[in-house]
């Protein structure tokens, strides 16, 4: 993880919002959220353009437990068909 270490990033992305740059594109991680209506946990990543406008959602996971949702995030393809552990060293933590 450029601009920080991966453990700090995972702590932040679990409990708060985080922005990263990967291959010149901005991605916004919303953090692990619990939907009060369904009780399900959600992790979502959106792509934003250089003007800070929303483009599209690139990843979304929903699970009945926080651990299961984070496990999906760690192991699912999240960006460019690659999982977090394959790209984390190429991501740059940025201030939004």
Protein backbone atom coordinates (compact mmCIF):
# COMPACT_ATOMS: atom_id res chain seq x y z
CA UNK A 1 0.00 0.00 0.00
CA UNK A 2 1.57 3.26 -1.13
CA UNK A 3 1.05 6.13 1.31
CA UNK A 4 0.34 3.84 4.28
CA UNK A 5 0.49 0.25 5.36
CA UNK A 6 -2.04 -2.42 4.54
CA UNK A 7 -3.01 -3.12 8.17
CA UNK A 8 -3.85 0.55 8.77
CA UNK A 9 -5.80 0.59 5.51
CA UNK A 10 -7.82 -2.48 6.51
CA UNK A 11 -8.60 -0.94 9.90
CA UNK A 12 -9.80 2.23 8.20
CA UNK A 13 -11.77 0.54 5.43
CA UNK A 14 -13.54 -1.63 8.00
CA UNK A 15 -14.67 1.27 10.17
CA UNK A 16 -14.70 4.36 7.93
CA UNK A 17 -14.46 5.66 4.37
CA UNK A 18 -11.20 5.49 2.42
CA UNK A 19 -10.15 6.78 -1.01
CA UNK A 20 -7.41 5.17 -3.11
CA UNK A 21 -5.83 5.64 -6.51
CA UNK A 22 -5.23 2.49 -8.54
CA UNK A 23 -3.91 2.58 -12.11
CA UNK A 24 -4.66 6.31 -12.28
CA UNK A 25 -8.31 5.95 -11.21
CA UNK A 26 -9.95 7.02 -7.95
CA UNK A 27 -11.88 4.47 -5.92
CA UNK A 28 -13.94 5.21 -2.84
CA UNK A 29 -14.40 2.50 -0.21
CA UNK A 30 -17.44 3.21 1.98
CA UNK A 31 -16.35 0.93 4.80
CA UNK A 32 -18.24 -1.91 6.36
CA UNK A 33 -21.82 -0.80 6.97
CA UNK A 34 -24.74 -2.52 8.65
CA UNK A 35 -28.07 -1.92 6.96
CA UNK A 36 -30.51 -1.17 9.80
CA UNK A 37 -33.50 -2.30 7.73
CA UNK A 38 -32.17 -5.74 6.81
CA UNK A 39 -29.50 -6.32 9.50
CA UNK A 40 -27.10 -7.31 6.69
CA UNK A 41 -23.52 -6.03 6.40
CA UNK A 42 -22.38 -4.33 3.20
CA UNK A 43 -19.07 -3.35 1.60
CA UNK A 44 -19.16 -1.09 -1.46
CA UNK A 45 -16.51 0.44 -3.75
CA UNK A 46 -17.29 3.17 -6.28
CA UNK A 47 -15.22 4.57 -9.14
CA UNK A 48 -15.00 8.39 -9.30
CA UNK A 49 -13.65 10.59 -12.10
CA UNK A 50 -10.98 13.31 -11.82
CA UNK A 51 -13.67 15.92 -11.14
CA UNK A 52 -14.82 13.87 -8.12
CA UNK A 53 -18.04 12.76 -9.77
CA UNK A 54 -19.47 9.29 -9.25
CA UNK A 55 -18.99 7.01 -12.28
CA UNK A 56 -20.10 3.51 -11.23
CA UNK A 57 -20.11 0.97 -8.44
CA UNK A 58 -17.31 -1.54 -9.10
CA UNK A 59 -17.84 -3.83 -6.11
CA UNK A 60 -20.57 -4.59 -3.61
CA UNK A 61 -20.85 -7.45 -1.13
CA UNK A 62 -23.63 -8.23 1.31
CA UNK A 63 -23.50 -10.82 4.10
CA UNK A 64 -25.33 -11.65 7.33
CA UNK A 65 -22.21 -11.09 9.48
CA UNK A 66 -19.42 -8.53 9.48
CA UNK A 67 -16.77 -11.26 9.33
CA UNK A 68 -18.38 -12.92 6.32
CA UNK A 69 -18.71 -9.61 4.50
CA UNK A 70 -15.05 -8.72 5.12
CA UNK A 71 -13.97 -12.22 4.09
CA UNK A 72 -15.78 -11.72 0.79
CA UNK A 73 -14.05 -8.36 0.35
CA UNK A 74 -10.65 -9.94 0.97
CA UNK A 75 -11.21 -12.80 -1.47
CA UNK A 76 -13.64 -11.62 -4.18
CA UNK A 77 -12.42 -9.93 -7.34
CA UNK A 78 -12.96 -6.26 -6.46
CA UNK A 79 -11.24 -4.30 -9.25
CA UNK A 80 -10.07 -5.47 -12.70
CA UNK A 81 -11.00 -9.05 -11.79
CA UNK A 82 -8.36 -9.08 -9.05
CA UNK A 83 -8.81 -9.57 -5.32
CA UNK A 84 -7.62 -7.09 -2.70
CA UNK A 85 -4.52 -9.13 -1.84
CA UNK A 86 -3.41 -9.05 -5.50
CA UNK A 87 -3.65 -5.27 -5.85
CA UNK A 88 -3.10 -3.76 -2.41
CA UNK A 89 0.59 -3.01 -3.07
CA UNK A 90 -0.39 -1.07 -6.23
CA UNK A 91 -3.02 1.10 -4.49
CA UNK A 92 -2.16 4.56 -3.22
CA UNK A 93 -4.08 5.84 -0.22
CA UNK A 94 -5.21 9.40 -1.04
CA UNK A 95 -6.85 12.29 0.77
CA UNK A 96 -10.15 13.23 -0.81
